Amino acid sequence: MMQLPDHITLFFLFILGASFGSFINVVIYRVPKKMSLIKPGSHCESCKTPIKPYDNIPILSYFILGGKCRNCAAPFSIRYALIEALTAFMTLWLYFIYGINKEFFMYIILTYLAIVITFVDSDHSIIPKNYLLIWIAVMAIGITLGWFLIGSENGVSGGMILTGFLLVIGLNRIFR
């Protein structure tokens, strides 16, 4: 199989990561509000005008438009561009660590999920159970198939620590 030159691979992975970051923004905003991820399409929250495809380029569009809606000039939060950039850079970072292999894809899923969980929790003080179920499923599959660079004993220990951490957060919210 022909291997792409590294700079092309890095560019492609950056674009792919930023694009997933754009979708992550949609998940962070819509899922806690029980909105569809598909309809309506991306639009300005102020004037409800649909965002044109050429104004919906991850990271770049924010800066090209000066952080404002093309139609009504309402400001967009820079957080959208920052989450897209964070996701893109995390994608590159994981590539530098693992290359393109099964571990890379497992950690990408967990990293993207961690970004969603972090910002949903930050915004709404909730961690939807579906996110945790996906996390547990990915971990179980990865550990069972040996797709993580950790042994099953360390994986179980790490899972117990994560579970304990989440339990402490949950109890803290209950007794506030």
N, C-alpha and C. Protein backbone atom coordinates (compact mmCIF):
# COMPACT_ATOMS: atom_id res chain seq x y z
N MET A 1 0.84 -1.17 0.00
CA MET A 1 0.00 0.00 0.00
C MET A 1 0.89 1.25 0.00
N MET A 2 0.51 2.22 -0.80
CA MET A 2 1.27 3.47 -0.89
C MET A 2 1.06 4.32 0.35
N GLN A 3 2.14 4.84 0.92
CA GLN A 3 2.04 5.67 2.11
C GLN A 3 2.11 7.14 1.68
N LEU A 4 1.22 7.96 2.24
CA LEU A 4 1.21 9.38 1.95
C LEU A 4 2.39 10.06 2.62
N PRO A 5 2.94 11.10 2.00
CA PRO A 5 3.99 11.86 2.69
C PRO A 5 3.44 12.39 4.02
N ASP A 6 4.29 12.48 5.02
CA ASP A 6 3.83 12.83 6.36
C ASP A 6 3.11 14.17 6.42
N HIS A 7 3.56 15.19 5.70
CA HIS A 7 2.90 16.50 5.77
C HIS A 7 1.48 16.43 5.21
N ILE A 8 1.24 15.58 4.22
CA ILE A 8 -0.12 15.40 3.69
C ILE A 8 -0.98 14.68 4.72
N THR A 9 -0.41 13.68 5.37
CA THR A 9 -1.13 12.95 6.42
C THR A 9 -1.49 13.90 7.56
N LEU A 10 -0.55 14.73 7.99
CA LEU A 10 -0.81 15.67 9.07
C LEU A 10 -1.90 16.66 8.70
N PHE A 11 -1.84 17.18 7.47
CA PHE A 11 -2.86 18.13 7.00
C PHE A 11 -4.22 17.45 6.99
N PHE A 12 -4.31 16.25 6.44
CA PHE A 12 -5.56 15.52 6.38
C PHE A 12 -6.11 15.25 7.78
N LEU A 13 -5.26 14.81 8.70
CA LEU A 13 -5.70 14.53 10.06
C LEU A 13 -6.15 15.80 10.78
N PHE A 14 -5.47 16.92 10.53
CA PHE A 14 -5.88 18.19 11.13
C PHE A 14 -7.27 18.58 10.64
N ILE A 15 -7.50 18.49 9.33
CA ILE A 15 -8.81 18.81 8.76
C ILE A 15 -9.87 17.86 9.29
N LEU A 16 -9.55 16.59 9.34
CA LEU A 16 -10.49 15.59 9.86
C LEU A 16 -10.82 15.88 11.33
N GLY A 17 -9.81 16.17 12.13
CA GLY A 17 -10.03 16.48 13.54
C GLY A 17 -10.86 17.74 13.72
N ALA A 18 -10.57 18.78 12.94
CA ALA A 18 -11.36 20.02 13.03
C ALA A 18 -12.81 19.79 12.62
N SER A 19 -13.01 18.94 11.61
CA SER A 19 -14.37 18.62 11.18
C SER A 19 -15.12 17.86 12.26
N PHE A 20 -14.46 16.91 12.90
CA PHE A 20 -15.09 16.22 14.03
C PHE A 20 -15.35 17.21 15.16
N GLY A 21 -14.44 18.17 15.34
CA GLY A 21 -14.65 19.20 16.35
C GLY A 21 -15.90 20.01 16.08
N SER A 22 -16.18 20.27 14.81
CA SER A 22 -17.40 20.98 14.44
C SER A 22 -18.63 20.17 14.83
N PHE A 23 -18.57 18.86 14.56
CA PHE A 23 -19.68 17.99 14.95
C PHE A 23 -19.78 17.90 16.47
N ILE A 24 -18.66 17.86 17.15
CA ILE A 24 -18.65 17.82 18.61
C ILE A 24 -19.35 19.06 19.17
N ASN A 25 -19.13 20.22 18.55
CA ASN A 25 -19.84 21.43 18.97
C ASN A 25 -21.35 21.24 18.89
N VAL A 26 -21.81 20.61 17.83
CA VAL A 26 -23.25 20.36 17.66
C VAL A 26 -23.74 19.43 18.77
N VAL A 27 -22.99 18.37 19.05
CA VAL A 27 -23.38 17.42 20.10
C VAL A 27 -23.42 18.13 21.45
N ILE A 28 -22.41 18.93 21.76
CA ILE A 28 -22.34 19.64 23.04
C ILE A 28 -23.55 20.56 23.20
N TYR A 29 -23.92 21.25 22.14
CA TYR A 29 -25.02 22.21 22.21
C TYR A 29 -26.38 21.54 22.20
N ARG A 30 -26.58 20.56 21.32
CA ARG A 30 -27.93 20.05 21.08
C ARG A 30 -28.36 18.88 21.96
N VAL A 31 -27.48 17.94 22.24
CA VAL A 31 -27.91 16.73 22.96
C VAL A 31 -28.49 17.05 24.34
N PRO A 32 -27.83 17.88 25.16
CA PRO A 32 -28.42 18.17 26.47
C PRO A 32 -29.79 18.86 26.37
N LYS A 33 -30.04 19.53 25.25
CA LYS A 33 -31.33 20.20 25.05
C LYS A 33 -32.34 19.30 24.34
N LYS A 34 -31.92 18.04 24.14
CA LYS A 34 -32.76 17.03 23.46
C LYS A 34 -33.21 17.49 22.07
N MET A 35 -32.27 18.12 21.34
CA MET A 35 -32.52 18.57 19.98
C MET A 35 -31.91 17.56 19.01
N SER A 36 -32.43 17.53 17.80
CA SER A 36 -31.91 16.67 16.75
C SER A 36 -30.50 17.12 16.36
N LEU A 37 -29.65 16.15 16.06
CA LEU A 37 -28.31 16.48 15.58
C LEU A 37 -28.32 16.81 14.09
N ILE A 38 -29.43 16.52 13.43
CA ILE A 38 -29.50 16.67 11.98
C ILE A 38 -30.29 17.91 11.56
N LYS A 39 -31.47 18.07 12.12
CA LYS A 39 -32.35 19.18 11.72
C LYS A 39 -32.69 20.04 12.92
N PRO A 40 -32.72 21.31 12.79
CA PRO A 40 -32.32 22.05 11.60
C PRO A 40 -30.80 22.04 11.45
N GLY A 41 -30.35 22.39 10.28
CA GLY A 41 -28.91 22.48 10.04
C GLY A 41 -28.32 23.63 10.85
N SER A 42 -27.03 23.80 10.76
CA SER A 42 -26.36 24.89 11.48
C SER A 42 -26.98 26.22 11.08
N HIS A 43 -27.25 27.04 12.08
CA HIS A 43 -27.89 28.33 11.84
C HIS A 43 -27.49 29.31 12.93
N CYS A 44 -27.69 30.58 12.66
CA CYS A 44 -27.44 31.63 13.64
C CYS A 44 -28.54 31.55 14.70
N GLU A 45 -28.16 31.53 15.95
CA GLU A 45 -29.15 31.48 17.02
C GLU A 45 -29.94 32.78 17.13
N SER A 46 -29.36 33.88 16.67
CA SER A 46 -30.06 35.17 16.77
C SER A 46 -31.11 35.36 15.69
N CYS A 47 -30.69 35.20 14.42
CA CYS A 47 -31.62 35.48 13.31
C CYS A 47 -32.17 34.22 12.66
N LYS A 48 -31.70 33.06 13.10
CA LYS A 48 -32.16 31.75 12.60
C LYS A 48 -31.82 31.49 11.13
N THR A 49 -30.98 32.31 10.54
CA THR A 49 -30.56 32.12 9.15
C THR A 49 -29.63 30.91 9.06
N PRO A 50 -29.90 29.99 8.13
CA PRO A 50 -28.99 28.85 7.96
C PRO A 50 -27.58 29.32 7.59
N ILE A 51 -26.59 28.66 8.13
CA ILE A 51 -25.21 28.99 7.81
C ILE A 51 -24.84 28.30 6.50
N LYS A 52 -24.38 29.07 5.56
CA LYS A 52 -24.00 28.54 4.24
C LYS A 52 -22.77 27.64 4.39
N PRO A 53 -22.65 26.62 3.53
CA PRO A 53 -21.49 25.72 3.61
C PRO A 53 -20.15 26.45 3.58
N TYR A 54 -20.03 27.50 2.79
CA TYR A 54 -18.76 28.21 2.72
C TYR A 54 -18.50 29.07 3.98
N ASP A 55 -19.52 29.24 4.82
CA ASP A 55 -19.35 29.93 6.10
C ASP A 55 -19.27 28.94 7.26
N ASN A 56 -19.16 27.65 6.94
CA ASN A 56 -19.16 26.63 7.98
C ASN A 56 -17.88 25.78 7.91
N ILE A 57 -16.79 26.42 7.58
CA ILE A 57 -15.49 25.74 7.50
C ILE A 57 -14.87 25.77 8.90
N PRO A 58 -14.60 24.60 9.47
CA PRO A 58 -14.08 24.59 10.84
C PRO A 58 -12.87 25.51 11.03
N ILE A 59 -12.85 26.20 12.12
CA ILE A 59 -11.82 27.14 12.58
C ILE A 59 -11.75 28.38 11.69
N LEU A 60 -11.55 28.22 10.39
CA LEU A 60 -11.35 29.35 9.49
C LEU A 60 -12.55 30.29 9.42
N SER A 61 -13.74 29.73 9.31
CA SER A 61 -14.93 30.59 9.14
C SER A 61 -15.10 31.57 10.29
N TYR A 62 -14.78 31.13 11.48
CA TYR A 62 -14.92 32.04 12.62
C TYR A 62 -14.08 33.29 12.39
N PHE A 63 -12.86 33.11 11.97
CA PHE A 63 -11.95 34.24 11.80
C PHE A 63 -12.25 35.03 10.52
N ILE A 64 -12.64 34.34 9.46
CA ILE A 64 -13.00 35.03 8.21
C ILE A 64 -14.19 35.95 8.45
N LEU A 65 -15.18 35.49 9.22
CA LEU A 65 -16.38 36.28 9.50
C LEU A 65 -16.21 37.21 10.70
N GLY A 66 -15.04 37.23 11.29
CA GLY A 66 -14.81 38.09 12.44
C GLY A 66 -15.62 37.66 13.66
N GLY A 67 -15.96 36.38 13.72
CA GLY A 67 -16.72 35.88 14.87
C GLY A 67 -18.16 36.32 14.90
N LYS A 68 -18.70 36.70 13.72
CA LYS A 68 -20.07 37.22 13.66
C LYS A 68 -20.85 36.56 12.54
N CYS A 69 -22.17 36.56 12.69
CA CYS A 69 -23.06 36.06 11.65
C CYS A 69 -22.97 36.96 10.43
N ARG A 70 -22.87 36.35 9.26
CA ARG A 70 -22.82 37.12 8.02
C ARG A 70 -24.11 37.91 7.80
N ASN A 71 -25.24 37.37 8.26
CA ASN A 71 -26.54 37.98 8.02
C ASN A 71 -26.87 39.11 8.99
N CYS A 72 -26.75 38.85 10.30
CA CYS A 72 -27.21 39.84 11.29
C CYS A 72 -26.09 40.42 12.15
N ALA A 73 -24.88 39.95 11.97
CA ALA A 73 -23.69 40.40 12.70
C ALA A 73 -23.73 40.08 14.20
N ALA A 74 -24.60 39.16 14.60
CA ALA A 74 -24.60 38.71 15.99
C ALA A 74 -23.30 37.94 16.25
N PRO A 75 -22.70 38.12 17.40
CA PRO A 75 -21.43 37.44 17.67
C PRO A 75 -21.62 35.94 17.92
N PHE A 76 -20.65 35.17 17.44
CA PHE A 76 -20.56 33.75 17.75
C PHE A 76 -19.48 33.59 18.81
N SER A 77 -19.66 32.66 19.70
CA SER A 77 -18.66 32.40 20.73
C SER A 77 -17.39 31.84 20.08
N ILE A 78 -16.25 32.33 20.55
CA ILE A 78 -14.98 31.80 20.05
C ILE A 78 -14.80 30.34 20.48
N ARG A 79 -15.58 29.93 21.46
CA ARG A 79 -15.48 28.55 21.94
C ARG A 79 -15.67 27.55 20.81
N TYR A 80 -16.52 27.85 19.83
CA TYR A 80 -16.72 26.93 18.70
C TYR A 80 -15.41 26.67 17.98
N ALA A 81 -14.68 27.73 17.66
CA ALA A 81 -13.40 27.59 16.96
C ALA A 81 -12.36 26.91 17.85
N LEU A 82 -12.39 27.22 19.14
CA LEU A 82 -11.42 26.62 20.06
C LEU A 82 -11.65 25.13 20.22
N ILE A 83 -12.90 24.69 20.28
CA ILE A 83 -13.18 23.25 20.37
C ILE A 83 -12.76 22.56 19.08
N GLU A 84 -13.00 23.20 17.94
CA GLU A 84 -12.55 22.62 16.66
C GLU A 84 -11.03 22.50 16.63
N ALA A 85 -10.34 23.53 17.09
CA ALA A 85 -8.87 23.50 17.12
C ALA A 85 -8.36 22.47 18.13
N LEU A 86 -8.98 22.42 19.31
CA LEU A 86 -8.59 21.43 20.31
C LEU A 86 -8.72 20.02 19.76
N THR A 87 -9.84 19.74 19.10
CA THR A 87 -10.07 18.42 18.55
C THR A 87 -9.05 18.10 17.45
N ALA A 88 -8.75 19.09 16.61
CA ALA A 88 -7.75 18.89 15.55
C ALA A 88 -6.37 18.60 16.14
N PHE A 89 -5.97 19.38 17.14
CA PHE A 89 -4.65 19.17 17.73
C PHE A 89 -4.57 17.87 18.53
N MET A 90 -5.66 17.50 19.20
CA MET A 90 -5.67 16.21 19.91
C MET A 90 -5.55 15.05 18.91
N THR A 91 -6.16 15.20 17.74
CA THR A 91 -6.05 14.18 16.70
C THR A 91 -4.60 14.03 16.27
N LEU A 92 -3.93 15.16 16.04
CA LEU A 92 -2.51 15.12 15.65
C LEU A 92 -1.65 14.55 16.77
N TRP A 93 -1.92 14.94 17.99
CA TRP A 93 -1.14 14.45 19.13
C TRP A 93 -1.24 12.93 19.24
N LEU A 94 -2.46 12.40 19.12
CA LEU A 94 -2.62 10.94 19.18
C LEU A 94 -1.95 10.26 18.00
N TYR A 95 -1.94 10.91 16.84
CA TYR A 95 -1.24 10.34 15.68
C TYR A 95 0.27 10.26 15.97
N PHE A 96 0.81 11.33 16.56
CA PHE A 96 2.24 11.32 16.88
C PHE A 96 2.59 10.22 17.88
N ILE A 97 1.70 9.93 18.79
CA ILE A 97 1.94 8.90 19.80
C ILE A 97 1.78 7.49 19.21
N TYR A 98 0.68 7.25 18.48
CA TYR A 98 0.33 5.89 18.07
C TYR A 98 0.47 5.59 16.59
N GLY A 99 0.55 6.63 15.74
CA GLY A 99 0.47 6.38 14.31
C GLY A 99 -0.97 6.03 13.97
N ILE A 100 -1.18 5.53 12.77
CA ILE A 100 -2.53 5.12 12.37
C ILE A 100 -2.64 3.61 12.61
N ASN A 101 -3.36 3.26 13.65
CA ASN A 101 -3.59 1.85 13.99
C ASN A 101 -4.83 1.76 14.87
N LYS A 102 -5.12 0.58 15.35
CA LYS A 102 -6.33 0.38 16.13
C LYS A 102 -6.29 1.17 17.44
N GLU A 103 -5.13 1.28 18.07
CA GLU A 103 -5.02 2.06 19.30
C GLU A 103 -5.38 3.52 19.04
N PHE A 104 -4.88 4.06 17.93
CA PHE A 104 -5.19 5.44 17.55
C PHE A 104 -6.69 5.64 17.48
N PHE A 105 -7.40 4.75 16.81
CA PHE A 105 -8.84 4.91 16.65
C PHE A 105 -9.58 4.75 17.97
N MET A 106 -9.14 3.85 18.82
CA MET A 106 -9.78 3.68 20.12
C MET A 106 -9.59 4.95 20.97
N TYR A 107 -8.36 5.47 20.98
CA TYR A 107 -8.10 6.66 21.78
C TYR A 107 -8.76 7.91 21.19
N ILE A 108 -8.90 7.95 19.89
CA ILE A 108 -9.61 9.08 19.26
C ILE A 108 -11.06 9.10 19.73
N ILE A 109 -11.70 7.95 19.71
CA ILE A 109 -13.10 7.89 20.17
C ILE A 109 -13.20 8.35 21.62
N LEU A 110 -12.31 7.85 22.47
CA LEU A 110 -12.35 8.23 23.89
C LEU A 110 -12.02 9.71 24.09
N THR A 111 -11.08 10.23 23.31
CA THR A 111 -10.71 11.64 23.43
C THR A 111 -11.86 12.54 22.99
N TYR A 112 -12.46 12.23 21.85
CA TYR A 112 -13.59 13.04 21.39
C TYR A 112 -14.73 12.98 22.39
N LEU A 113 -14.98 11.80 22.94
CA LEU A 113 -16.03 11.64 23.94
C LEU A 113 -15.69 12.44 25.20
N ALA A 114 -14.42 12.44 25.60
CA ALA A 114 -14.00 13.21 26.77
C ALA A 114 -14.21 14.71 26.55
N ILE A 115 -13.97 15.19 25.34
CA ILE A 115 -14.21 16.60 25.03
C ILE A 115 -15.69 16.92 25.18
N VAL A 116 -16.54 16.06 24.62
CA VAL A 116 -17.99 16.27 24.73
C VAL A 116 -18.40 16.28 26.20
N ILE A 117 -17.98 15.26 26.95
CA ILE A 117 -18.36 15.16 28.36
C ILE A 117 -17.90 16.40 29.13
N THR A 118 -16.68 16.83 28.89
CA THR A 118 -16.13 17.99 29.60
C THR A 118 -16.97 19.24 29.39
N PHE A 119 -17.31 19.53 28.14
CA PHE A 119 -18.03 20.77 27.87
C PHE A 119 -19.52 20.68 28.21
N VAL A 120 -20.12 19.51 28.04
CA VAL A 120 -21.52 19.36 28.46
C VAL A 120 -21.61 19.52 29.98
N ASP A 121 -20.68 18.90 30.70
CA ASP A 121 -20.68 19.02 32.15
C ASP A 121 -20.41 20.46 32.57
N SER A 122 -19.50 21.12 31.88
CA SER A 122 -19.20 22.52 32.18
C SER A 122 -20.41 23.41 31.98
N ASP A 123 -21.17 23.17 30.92
CA ASP A 123 -22.33 24.00 30.60
C ASP A 123 -23.56 23.68 31.44
N HIS A 124 -23.80 22.40 31.69
CA HIS A 124 -25.08 21.98 32.26
C HIS A 124 -24.95 21.24 33.60
N SER A 125 -23.73 21.01 34.05
CA SER A 125 -23.48 20.23 35.27
C SER A 125 -24.14 18.85 35.21
N ILE A 126 -24.07 18.25 34.03
CA ILE A 126 -24.57 16.88 33.85
C ILE A 126 -23.59 16.11 32.98
N ILE A 127 -23.57 14.81 33.17
CA ILE A 127 -22.87 13.92 32.26
C ILE A 127 -23.92 12.90 31.83
N PRO A 128 -24.47 13.06 30.62
CA PRO A 128 -25.52 12.12 30.20
C PRO A 128 -25.03 10.67 30.24
N LYS A 129 -25.88 9.80 30.76
CA LYS A 129 -25.48 8.40 30.94
C LYS A 129 -25.13 7.72 29.63
N ASN A 130 -25.74 8.16 28.52
CA ASN A 130 -25.41 7.55 27.22
C ASN A 130 -23.94 7.75 26.87
N TYR A 131 -23.38 8.91 27.24
CA TYR A 131 -21.96 9.15 26.99
C TYR A 131 -21.11 8.17 27.77
N LEU A 132 -21.48 7.95 29.02
CA LEU A 132 -20.73 7.02 29.86
C LEU A 132 -20.87 5.58 29.36
N LEU A 133 -22.06 5.24 28.87
CA LEU A 133 -22.26 3.88 28.34
C LEU A 133 -21.41 3.66 27.09
N ILE A 134 -21.31 4.67 26.26
CA ILE A 134 -20.44 4.58 25.07
C ILE A 134 -18.99 4.41 25.53
N TRP A 135 -18.58 5.22 26.51
CA TRP A 135 -17.21 5.15 27.04
C TRP A 135 -16.92 3.74 27.55
N ILE A 136 -17.83 3.20 28.35
CA ILE A 136 -17.64 1.86 28.92
C ILE A 136 -17.58 0.81 27.82
N ALA A 137 -18.46 0.94 26.80
CA ALA A 137 -18.47 -0.03 25.69
C ALA A 137 -17.15 0.01 24.92
N VAL A 138 -16.67 1.21 24.63
CA VAL A 138 -15.40 1.34 23.89
C VAL A 138 -14.26 0.74 24.72
N MET A 139 -14.24 1.05 26.01
CA MET A 139 -13.19 0.50 26.88
C MET A 139 -13.28 -1.03 26.94
N ALA A 140 -14.49 -1.55 27.10
CA ALA A 140 -14.66 -3.01 27.19
C ALA A 140 -14.21 -3.70 25.91
N ILE A 141 -14.60 -3.14 24.77
CA ILE A 141 -14.19 -3.72 23.48
C ILE A 141 -12.67 -3.65 23.33
N GLY A 142 -12.12 -2.46 23.61
CA GLY A 142 -10.67 -2.28 23.46
C GLY A 142 -9.85 -3.17 24.36
N ILE A 143 -10.28 -3.32 25.60
CA ILE A 143 -9.55 -4.16 26.54
C ILE A 143 -9.70 -5.63 26.17
N THR A 144 -10.92 -6.04 25.83
CA THR A 144 -11.17 -7.44 25.47
C THR A 144 -10.37 -7.86 24.24
N LEU A 145 -10.31 -6.98 23.25
CA LEU A 145 -9.60 -7.31 22.01
C LEU A 145 -8.10 -7.00 22.07
N GLY A 146 -7.66 -6.45 23.20
CA GLY A 146 -6.25 -6.12 23.33
C GLY A 146 -5.83 -4.94 22.48
N TRP A 147 -6.76 -4.01 22.24
CA TRP A 147 -6.47 -2.88 21.37
C TRP A 147 -5.92 -1.67 22.11
N PHE A 148 -5.72 -1.79 23.40
CA PHE A 148 -5.10 -0.72 24.17
C PHE A 148 -3.71 -1.18 24.56
N LEU A 149 -2.84 -0.24 24.76
CA LEU A 149 -1.48 -0.57 25.13
C LEU A 149 -1.34 -0.78 26.63
N ILE A 150 -2.45 -1.15 27.26
CA ILE A 150 -2.44 -1.44 28.69
C ILE A 150 -2.96 -2.86 28.88
N GLY A 151 -2.53 -3.49 29.94
CA GLY A 151 -3.04 -4.83 30.24
C GLY A 151 -4.45 -4.74 30.82
N SER A 152 -5.12 -5.86 30.84
CA SER A 152 -6.48 -5.87 31.35
C SER A 152 -6.53 -5.49 32.83
N GLU A 153 -5.52 -5.88 33.59
CA GLU A 153 -5.50 -5.52 35.02
C GLU A 153 -5.43 -4.01 35.19
N ASN A 154 -4.53 -3.35 34.45
CA ASN A 154 -4.45 -1.88 34.52
C ASN A 154 -5.71 -1.23 33.98
N GLY A 155 -6.30 -1.82 32.94
CA GLY A 155 -7.54 -1.28 32.39
C GLY A 155 -8.67 -1.32 33.39
N VAL A 156 -8.78 -2.43 34.09
CA VAL A 156 -9.82 -2.56 35.12
C VAL A 156 -9.54 -1.57 36.26
N SER A 157 -8.29 -1.45 36.67
CA SER A 157 -7.94 -0.48 37.73
C SER A 157 -8.28 0.93 37.30
N GLY A 158 -7.93 1.28 36.07
CA GLY A 158 -8.24 2.61 35.55
C GLY A 158 -9.74 2.84 35.48
N GLY A 159 -10.47 1.82 35.06
CA GLY A 159 -11.93 1.93 35.00
C GLY A 159 -12.54 2.14 36.38
N MET A 160 -11.98 1.46 37.37
CA MET A 160 -12.47 1.63 38.75
C MET A 160 -12.17 3.04 39.25
N ILE A 161 -11.01 3.55 38.93
CA ILE A 161 -10.65 4.92 39.35
C ILE A 161 -11.59 5.92 38.67
N LEU A 162 -11.83 5.76 37.36
CA LEU A 162 -12.76 6.65 36.65
C LEU A 162 -14.15 6.55 37.27
N THR A 163 -14.62 5.35 37.54
CA THR A 163 -15.94 5.16 38.14
C THR A 163 -16.01 5.83 39.51
N GLY A 164 -14.97 5.66 40.31
CA GLY A 164 -14.93 6.31 41.62
C GLY A 164 -14.94 7.83 41.50
N PHE A 165 -14.19 8.35 40.55
CA PHE A 165 -14.15 9.79 40.30
C PHE A 165 -15.54 10.30 39.93
N LEU A 166 -16.21 9.60 39.02
CA LEU A 166 -17.55 10.02 38.61
C LEU A 166 -18.54 9.90 39.75
N LEU A 167 -18.38 8.88 40.60
CA LEU A 167 -19.25 8.72 41.76
C LEU A 167 -19.07 9.88 42.72
N VAL A 168 -17.83 10.29 42.96
CA VAL A 168 -17.57 11.43 43.85
C VAL A 168 -18.21 12.70 43.29
N ILE A 169 -18.08 12.92 41.98
CA ILE A 169 -18.72 14.09 41.35
C ILE A 169 -20.23 14.02 41.55
N GLY A 170 -20.81 12.84 41.30
CA GLY A 170 -22.26 12.68 41.45
C GLY A 170 -22.71 12.92 42.88
N LEU A 171 -21.99 12.37 43.85
CA LEU A 171 -22.36 12.56 45.25
C LEU A 171 -22.22 14.01 45.66
N ASN A 172 -21.19 14.68 45.14
CA ASN A 172 -21.00 16.09 45.43
C ASN A 172 -22.20 16.90 44.95
N ARG A 173 -22.74 16.55 43.81
CA ARG A 173 -23.90 17.29 43.29
C ARG A 173 -25.16 16.99 44.09
N ILE A 174 -25.28 15.77 44.56
CA ILE A 174 -26.46 15.40 45.34
C ILE A 174 -26.50 16.16 46.66
N PHE A 175 -25.33 16.30 47.30
CA PHE A 175 -25.29 16.89 48.64
C PHE A 175 -24.94 18.38 48.63
N ARG A 176 -25.06 19.04 47.52
CA ARG A 176 -24.80 20.49 47.47
C ARG A 176 -25.89 21.24 48.14
